[in-house]
Amino acid sequence: MSEIRPRRSVLAMPGSNARALEKARNLPADVILIDLEDGVAPERKDEARAAVAAAVAARGFGPREVVVRINPPETEAGEADLAALAGAGADAILVPKVRSSDALIAVGSRLRRLGAPLATRIWAMIETPMAVVNAAEIAGAARDVDGRLAALVIGPNDLVTAARIRPPGRAALRPWLMTVLAAARAYEIEAIDGVFSGLDDAAGFEAECREGRDLGFDGKMLIHPSQIEPANAAFGPGEAEIAEARRVVAAFAAPENQAHGVIALDGRMVERLHVEAARRILALAEAIGRLGA
């Protein structure tokens, strides 16, 4: 099993907000997503780019994963973002408005030429109908050395608008969400659910987190620090789930069960395939423990 990094909470914040970036150093989010695209006014992009590159290079975010969303890479601003960030050591570059794997491989190739470390991965925003149609092809960039792809991130507001779905549109998007999730799982990369825009609707946010978890997403993109705790709770394994995972692993490790593909445990049938899922739950719980959250 490859190393697991918790991505329960992906907190987005504009790269032009120095106070927010400073505050993020102590927030319990698993991922700090610094935005240079929609969250930064055109006249402030140069200033924000330099500040973000310096903040990332300073390594001041502790154990949190740091991801930077760049401007579309085919634009002048996007090219400048890549040049500034290549050597900064971000954990990942989030590419917006991805429609095919070609864009990701081009970004990865550019990062390589700029000398970016191999540890700097690429995440892809899925925010257009074409991206959903091409989800499997996009996820396939994970198999290309220049693709560097580690995660797909849903952009629900853009999808609702582009598809002419009546807001909020979550129910109508579910088939699209599962298409993206299937593509991510087929290529063994992460899938991050999109933002919930109702800042004053805590119950609605928690319900959407639970739904995203049950659908299979690894975490959720957030727009406010108040959303971190419920996202962490929803997407992290609970005590009962951890205890059950330990029982499954222990049961199949017992000498009398090692040759069996199926056993009875607590009155239900458990297959050996459940052992891998149980081990992942335990590894995720251990990784969360190392974060201190």
Protein backbone atom coordinates (compact mmCIF):
# COMPACT_ATOMS: atom_id res chain seq x y z
CA MET A 1 0.00 0.00 0.00
CA SER A 2 1.38 3.41 -0.98
CA GLU A 3 1.73 6.17 1.60
CA ILE A 4 -1.62 7.64 2.59
CA ARG A 5 -1.99 11.37 3.14
CA PRO A 6 -5.20 12.62 4.74
CA ARG A 7 -7.06 15.05 2.50
CA ARG A 8 -10.28 15.33 4.48
CA SER A 9 -10.28 19.13 4.43
CA VAL A 10 -8.87 21.19 1.54
CA LEU A 11 -9.15 24.82 2.63
CA ALA A 12 -9.03 27.32 -0.25
CA MET A 13 -7.85 30.88 0.31
CA PRO A 14 -6.83 33.72 -2.01
CA GLY A 15 -3.12 34.16 -2.53
CA SER A 16 -3.53 37.92 -2.23
CA ASN A 17 -4.70 37.71 1.40
CA ALA A 18 -1.53 37.77 3.50
CA ARG A 19 -3.44 37.62 6.81
CA ALA A 20 -5.33 34.51 5.72
CA LEU A 21 -2.11 32.79 4.67
CA GLU A 22 -0.53 33.59 8.03
CA LYS A 23 -3.57 32.24 9.88
CA ALA A 24 -3.52 29.07 7.78
CA ARG A 25 -0.22 28.06 9.36
CA ASN A 26 -2.09 27.00 12.49
CA LEU A 27 -5.42 25.76 11.14
CA PRO A 28 -6.20 22.02 11.41
CA ALA A 29 -6.91 21.59 7.70
CA ASP A 30 -5.18 18.67 6.02
CA VAL A 31 -4.52 20.72 2.87
CA ILE A 32 -4.02 24.44 2.39
CA LEU A 33 -5.07 25.37 -1.15
CA ILE A 34 -3.70 28.77 -2.13
CA ASP A 35 -5.54 30.29 -5.07
CA LEU A 36 -3.88 32.44 -7.71
CA GLU A 37 -6.76 32.14 -10.18
CA ASP A 38 -10.34 33.23 -9.41
CA GLY A 39 -9.51 34.44 -5.91
CA VAL A 40 -7.04 37.11 -7.07
CA ALA A 41 -7.96 40.26 -9.00
CA PRO A 42 -6.06 40.72 -12.31
CA GLU A 43 -4.22 43.80 -11.07
CA ARG A 44 -2.92 41.90 -8.01
CA LYS A 45 -1.74 38.71 -9.67
CA ASP A 46 1.94 39.66 -9.90
CA GLU A 47 2.03 40.72 -6.26
CA ALA A 48 0.15 37.60 -5.10
CA ARG A 49 2.34 35.27 -7.18
CA ALA A 50 5.54 36.53 -5.60
CA ALA A 51 4.06 36.41 -2.09
CA VAL A 52 2.72 32.88 -2.52
CA ALA A 53 5.98 31.54 -3.95
CA ALA A 54 7.84 33.01 -0.98
CA ALA A 55 5.32 31.65 1.54
CA VAL A 56 5.46 28.15 0.06
CA ALA A 57 9.27 28.16 -0.09
CA ALA A 58 9.45 29.21 3.58
CA ARG A 59 7.89 25.84 4.59
CA GLY A 60 5.82 27.46 7.33
CA PHE A 61 2.70 25.32 7.06
CA GLY A 62 3.90 22.44 9.21
CA PRO A 63 2.53 18.99 8.34
CA ARG A 64 -0.20 20.42 6.12
CA GLU A 65 -0.10 19.64 2.43
CA VAL A 66 0.27 22.84 0.38
CA VAL A 67 -1.35 23.07 -3.04
CA VAL A 68 -1.39 26.15 -5.28
CA ARG A 69 -4.07 26.72 -7.91
CA ILE A 70 -2.52 28.48 -10.87
CA ASN A 71 -4.15 30.47 -13.64
CA PRO A 72 -4.94 28.52 -16.84
CA PRO A 73 -1.50 27.32 -17.98
CA GLU A 74 -2.02 28.44 -21.58
CA THR A 75 -2.26 32.07 -20.40
CA GLU A 76 0.56 34.48 -19.66
CA ALA A 77 -0.42 34.52 -15.99
CA GLY A 78 -0.44 30.73 -15.83
CA GLU A 79 3.01 30.48 -17.37
CA ALA A 80 4.31 33.06 -14.88
CA ASP A 81 2.74 31.06 -12.03
CA LEU A 82 4.57 27.90 -13.09
CA ALA A 83 7.88 29.71 -13.42
CA ALA A 84 7.53 31.24 -9.95
CA LEU A 85 6.36 28.07 -8.23
CA ALA A 86 8.50 25.40 -9.87
CA GLY A 87 11.26 25.64 -7.29
CA ALA A 88 9.14 26.63 -4.30
CA GLY A 89 8.41 23.08 -3.21
CA ALA A 90 4.62 23.01 -3.23
CA ASP A 91 3.16 19.57 -2.70
CA ALA A 92 1.00 20.03 -5.79
CA ILE A 93 -0.06 22.45 -8.49
CA LEU A 94 -3.82 22.56 -9.10
CA VAL A 95 -4.59 23.12 -12.78
CA PRO A 96 -7.96 24.80 -13.48
CA LYS A 97 -10.42 24.12 -16.30
CA VAL A 98 -8.80 20.88 -17.40
CA ARG A 99 -10.50 19.32 -20.44
CA SER A 100 -8.03 16.61 -21.43
CA SER A 101 -4.86 14.91 -20.24
CA ASP A 102 -2.80 16.92 -22.74
CA ALA A 103 -3.00 20.01 -20.55
CA LEU A 104 -1.72 18.10 -17.51
CA ILE A 105 1.14 16.48 -19.37
CA ALA A 106 2.11 19.88 -20.78
CA VAL A 107 2.17 21.35 -17.26
CA GLY A 108 4.19 18.42 -15.97
CA SER A 109 6.65 18.73 -18.84
CA ARG A 110 7.01 22.44 -18.16
CA LEU A 111 7.61 21.78 -14.45
CA ARG A 112 10.33 19.26 -15.35
CA ARG A 113 12.05 21.75 -17.64
CA LEU A 114 11.87 24.36 -14.90
CA GLY A 115 13.56 21.97 -12.47
CA ALA A 116 10.59 21.32 -10.19
CA PRO A 117 11.15 18.40 -7.81
CA LEU A 118 9.36 15.16 -8.68
CA ALA A 119 7.57 15.41 -5.33
CA THR A 120 5.56 18.34 -6.70
CA ARG A 121 2.45 16.64 -8.04
CA ILE A 122 -0.45 17.90 -10.17
CA TRP A 123 -4.12 18.09 -9.22
CA ALA A 124 -6.81 18.71 -11.84
CA MET A 125 -10.01 20.74 -11.53
CA ILE A 126 -12.99 19.00 -13.10
CA GLU A 127 -15.31 21.93 -13.76
CA THR A 128 -16.61 21.59 -17.33
CA PRO A 129 -18.91 19.06 -19.03
CA MET A 130 -16.02 18.17 -21.35
CA ALA A 131 -13.88 17.30 -18.34
CA VAL A 132 -16.58 14.94 -17.07
CA VAL A 133 -16.90 13.32 -20.51
CA ASN A 134 -13.10 12.92 -20.60
CA ALA A 135 -12.69 11.98 -16.92
CA ALA A 136 -11.07 8.59 -17.56
CA GLU A 137 -8.70 10.04 -20.16
CA ILE A 138 -7.75 12.85 -17.77
CA ALA A 139 -7.19 10.45 -14.88
CA GLY A 140 -4.97 8.40 -17.18
CA ALA A 141 -2.38 11.18 -16.97
CA ALA A 142 -1.43 9.58 -13.65
CA ARG A 143 0.33 6.86 -15.68
CA ASP A 144 2.45 9.36 -17.64
CA VAL A 145 5.72 10.38 -15.99
CA ASP A 146 5.07 14.01 -16.93
CA GLY A 147 1.42 13.80 -15.88
CA ARG A 148 2.29 13.83 -12.16
CA LEU A 149 -1.44 13.54 -11.50
CA ALA A 150 -2.43 12.80 -7.90
CA ALA A 151 -6.01 14.06 -7.52
CA LEU A 152 -9.17 15.17 -9.29
CA VAL A 153 -11.10 18.05 -7.71
CA ILE A 154 -14.77 18.73 -8.45
CA GLY A 155 -15.81 22.28 -9.38
CA PRO A 156 -19.57 22.04 -8.74
CA ASN A 157 -20.55 25.67 -9.27
CA ASP A 158 -18.94 25.76 -12.71
CA LEU A 159 -20.50 22.41 -13.62
CA VAL A 160 -23.99 23.52 -12.55
CA THR A 161 -23.67 26.72 -14.58
CA ALA A 162 -22.21 25.08 -17.68
CA ALA A 163 -24.84 22.32 -17.70
CA ARG A 164 -27.68 24.82 -17.11
CA ILE A 165 -28.78 22.90 -14.03
CA ARG A 166 -31.01 24.85 -11.68
CA PRO A 167 -29.04 25.67 -8.49
CA PRO A 168 -28.10 24.19 -6.13
CA GLY A 169 -28.07 21.21 -8.47
CA ARG A 170 -26.35 18.66 -6.22
CA ALA A 171 -28.84 15.89 -6.98
CA ALA A 172 -28.52 16.41 -10.73
CA LEU A 173 -24.72 16.29 -10.49
CA ARG A 174 -24.53 12.91 -8.74
CA PRO A 175 -24.08 10.85 -11.94
CA TRP A 176 -21.29 13.23 -12.97
CA LEU A 177 -19.69 12.98 -9.53
CA MET A 178 -19.65 9.20 -9.74
CA THR A 179 -18.18 9.32 -13.25
CA VAL A 180 -15.26 11.38 -11.95
CA LEU A 181 -14.89 9.18 -8.88
CA ALA A 182 -14.80 6.01 -10.99
CA ALA A 183 -12.06 7.54 -13.16
CA ALA A 184 -10.01 8.46 -10.09
CA ARG A 185 -10.33 4.99 -8.60
CA ALA A 186 -9.50 3.31 -11.90
CA TYR A 187 -6.13 5.08 -11.89
CA GLU A 188 -5.64 4.94 -8.10
CA ILE A 189 -5.64 8.67 -7.46
CA GLU A 190 -7.57 10.83 -5.00
CA ALA A 191 -10.97 12.43 -5.57
CA ILE A 192 -11.92 15.63 -3.74
CA ASP A 193 -15.54 16.77 -3.52
CA GLY A 194 -16.28 20.40 -4.37
CA VAL A 195 -17.25 23.41 -2.30
CA PHE A 196 -20.50 23.98 -0.45
CA SER A 197 -21.30 27.67 -0.79
CA GLY A 198 -23.83 28.10 2.02
CA LEU A 199 -21.70 29.56 4.78
CA ASP A 200 -24.71 30.01 7.08
CA ASP A 201 -26.05 26.48 6.51
CA ALA A 202 -23.96 24.33 8.84
CA ALA A 203 -26.44 21.47 8.75
CA GLY A 204 -26.49 21.48 4.96
CA PHE A 205 -22.70 21.45 4.84
CA GLU A 206 -22.44 18.52 7.24
CA ALA A 207 -25.05 16.60 5.27
CA GLU A 208 -23.16 17.17 2.02
CA CYS A 209 -19.92 16.06 3.68
CA ARG A 210 -21.56 12.83 4.79
CA GLU A 211 -22.95 12.28 1.31
CA GLY A 212 -19.55 12.91 -0.29
CA ARG A 213 -17.93 10.47 2.12
CA ASP A 214 -20.56 7.82 1.41
CA LEU A 215 -20.13 8.31 -2.35
CA GLY A 216 -16.44 7.58 -1.89
CA PHE A 217 -14.69 10.96 -1.99
CA ASP A 218 -11.51 11.39 0.04
CA GLY A 219 -12.24 14.90 1.26
CA LYS A 220 -13.89 18.20 0.48
CA MET A 221 -12.78 21.58 -0.78
CA LEU A 222 -13.67 24.28 1.76
CA ILE A 223 -14.15 28.03 1.60
CA HIS A 224 -14.06 28.95 5.30
CA PRO A 225 -12.14 27.74 8.38
CA SER A 226 -15.44 27.00 10.15
CA GLN A 227 -15.90 24.10 7.72
CA ILE A 228 -12.67 22.34 8.69
CA GLU A 229 -13.86 20.52 11.79
CA PRO A 230 -17.02 18.99 10.29
CA ALA A 231 -15.14 17.98 7.14
CA ASN A 232 -12.42 16.29 9.18
CA ALA A 233 -15.06 14.48 11.22
CA ALA A 234 -17.01 13.30 8.17
CA PHE A 235 -14.12 12.12 6.03
CA GLY A 236 -11.98 10.66 8.80
CA PRO A 237 -12.66 7.18 10.22
CA GLY A 238 -14.59 7.17 13.49
CA GLU A 239 -13.75 5.07 16.53
CA ALA A 240 -16.28 2.37 15.63
CA GLU A 241 -14.94 2.15 12.07
CA ILE A 242 -11.36 1.85 13.32
CA ALA A 243 -12.34 -0.84 15.84
CA GLU A 244 -14.15 -2.79 13.10
CA ALA A 245 -11.11 -2.53 10.81
CA ARG A 246 -8.89 -3.92 13.55
CA ARG A 247 -11.26 -6.86 14.06
CA VAL A 248 -11.25 -7.66 10.32
CA VAL A 249 -7.45 -7.56 10.08
CA ALA A 250 -7.03 -9.63 13.25
CA ALA A 251 -9.61 -12.19 12.17
CA PHE A 252 -7.89 -12.95 8.86
CA ALA A 253 -4.50 -13.01 10.58
CA ALA A 254 -5.64 -15.80 12.89
CA PRO A 255 -3.98 -19.13 11.96
CA GLU A 256 -7.31 -20.89 11.45
CA ASN A 257 -8.43 -18.28 8.90
CA GLN A 258 -5.31 -17.67 6.85
CA ALA A 259 -6.32 -20.12 4.12
CA HIS A 260 -9.90 -18.84 3.92
CA GLY A 261 -11.23 -16.30 1.45
CA VAL A 262 -14.46 -15.78 3.37
CA ILE A 263 -15.14 -15.97 7.10
CA ALA A 264 -17.97 -15.18 9.50
CA LEU A 265 -17.31 -12.24 11.79
CA ASP A 266 -19.80 -10.77 14.27
CA GLY A 267 -22.67 -12.53 12.52
CA ARG A 268 -21.86 -11.42 8.97
CA MET A 269 -19.82 -12.64 6.03
CA VAL A 270 -16.48 -10.93 5.50
CA GLU A 271 -14.32 -11.50 2.42
CA ARG A 272 -10.57 -11.24 2.18
CA LEU A 273 -10.97 -8.20 -0.08
CA HIS A 274 -12.25 -6.37 3.00
CA VAL A 275 -8.83 -6.76 4.63
CA GLU A 276 -7.25 -4.27 2.22
CA ALA A 277 -10.02 -1.76 2.90
CA ALA A 278 -9.56 -2.29 6.64
CA ARG A 279 -5.82 -1.77 6.39
CA ARG A 280 -6.40 1.47 4.51
CA ILE A 281 -8.71 2.72 7.27
CA LEU A 282 -6.06 1.95 9.88
CA ALA A 283 -3.32 3.60 7.81
CA LEU A 284 -5.49 6.69 7.36
CA ALA A 285 -6.20 6.85 11.10
CA GLU A 286 -2.47 6.56 11.79
CA ALA A 287 -1.66 9.32 9.30
CA ILE A 288 -4.30 11.58 10.85
CA GLY A 289 -2.76 10.90 14.24
CA ARG A 290 0.61 12.09 12.99
CA LEU A 291 -1.01 15.36 11.96
CA GLY A 292 -2.28 15.79 15.50
CA ALA A 293 -5.87 16.26 14.28
